[in-house]
Amino acid sequence: MKLGNGCETGIGAKTLEPNATILDGLTISRDRIQDAEQEITDWVRDLNK
């Protein structure tokens, strides 16, 4: 299954790598990217929790 931007939902990855951990991604529209630094920083920081 593909999303609108071409990213996989993880279905194919889980088939190829059954023990893989699939994380939720961060979606930021191109209209908001200039103001997204803190959102990106927070998202990356939360990956380590």
C-alpha atoms as a PDB file:
ATOM      1  CA  MET A   1       0.000   0.000   0.000  1.00  0.00           C
ATOM      2  CA  LYS A   2       1.368   3.414  -0.915  1.00  0.00           C
ATOM      3  CA  LEU A   3       0.507   6.782   0.575  1.00  0.00           C
ATOM      4  CA  GLY A   4       0.071   9.931  -1.502  1.00  0.00           C
ATOM      5  CA  ASN A   5       3.751  10.863  -1.242  1.00  0.00           C
ATOM      6  CA  GLY A   6       4.969   7.380  -2.176  1.00  0.00           C
ATOM      7  CA  CYS A   7       6.013   6.285   1.334  1.00  0.00           C
ATOM      8  CA  GLU A   8       5.356   2.713   2.318  1.00  0.00           C
ATOM      9  CA  THR A   9       3.046   2.036   5.227  1.00  0.00           C
ATOM     10  CA  GLY A  10       5.311  -0.705   6.541  1.00  0.00           C
ATOM     11  CA  ILE A  11       3.345  -3.636   5.167  1.00  0.00           C
ATOM     12  CA  GLY A  12       6.085  -4.540   2.671  1.00  0.00           C
ATOM     13  CA  ALA A  13       8.867  -3.924   5.173  1.00  0.00           C
ATOM     14  CA  LYS A  14       7.280  -6.271   7.736  1.00  0.00           C
ATOM     15  CA  THR A  15       7.024  -8.963   5.085  1.00  0.00           C
ATOM     16  CA  LEU A  16      10.686  -8.597   4.137  1.00  0.00           C
ATOM     17  CA  GLU A  17      11.929  -8.022   7.696  1.00  0.00           C
ATOM     18  CA  PRO A  18       9.497  -9.661  10.152  1.00  0.00           C
ATOM     19  CA  ASN A  19      11.476  -8.502  13.199  1.00  0.00           C
ATOM     20  CA  ALA A  20      11.734  -4.885  12.046  1.00  0.00           C
ATOM     21  CA  THR A  21      10.370  -2.061  14.154  1.00  0.00           C
ATOM     22  CA  ILE A  22       8.281   0.335  12.078  1.00  0.00           C
ATOM     23  CA  LEU A  23       8.188   3.848  13.528  1.00  0.00           C
ATOM     24  CA  ASP A  24       5.664   6.581  12.891  1.00  0.00           C
ATOM     25  CA  GLY A  25       7.055   9.204  10.569  1.00  0.00           C
ATOM     26  CA  LEU A  26       6.766  12.964  10.730  1.00  0.00           C
ATOM     27  CA  THR A  27       4.707  14.722   8.101  1.00  0.00           C
ATOM     28  CA  ILE A  28       5.384  18.380   7.393  1.00  0.00           C
ATOM     29  CA  SER A  29       3.881  20.108   4.404  1.00  0.00           C
ATOM     30  CA  ARG A  30       6.142  22.169   2.176  1.00  0.00           C
ATOM     31  CA  ASP A  31       4.124  25.233   3.171  1.00  0.00           C
ATOM     32  CA  ARG A  32       5.169  24.811   6.838  1.00  0.00           C
ATOM     33  CA  ILE A  33       8.752  23.582   6.522  1.00  0.00           C
ATOM     34  CA  GLN A  34      10.334  26.984   7.253  1.00  0.00           C
ATOM     35  CA  ASP A  35       8.697  27.040  10.687  1.00  0.00           C
ATOM     36  CA  ALA A  36       9.062  23.351  11.536  1.00  0.00           C
ATOM     37  CA  GLU A  37      12.481  23.290  13.244  1.00  0.00           C
ATOM     38  CA  GLN A  38      11.112  22.782  16.771  1.00  0.00           C
ATOM     39  CA  GLU A  39       8.630  20.147  15.605  1.00  0.00           C
ATOM     40  CA  ILE A  40      11.458  18.230  13.909  1.00  0.00           C
ATOM     41  CA  THR A  41      13.702  18.561  16.958  1.00  0.00           C
ATOM     42  CA  ASP A  42      10.958  17.269  19.257  1.00  0.00           C
ATOM     43  CA  TRP A  43      10.178  14.356  16.926  1.00  0.00           C
ATOM     44  CA  VAL A  44      13.830  13.277  16.769  1.00  0.00           C
ATOM     45  CA  ARG A  45      14.185  13.622  20.534  1.00  0.00           C
ATOM     46  CA  ASP A  46      11.106  11.417  21.032  1.00  0.00           C
ATOM     47  CA  LEU A  47      12.697   8.676  18.884  1.00  0.00           C
ATOM     48  CA  ASN A  48      15.164   8.080  21.701  1.00  0.00           C
ATOM     49  CA  LYS A  49      12.484   7.446  24.339  1.00  0.00           C
END
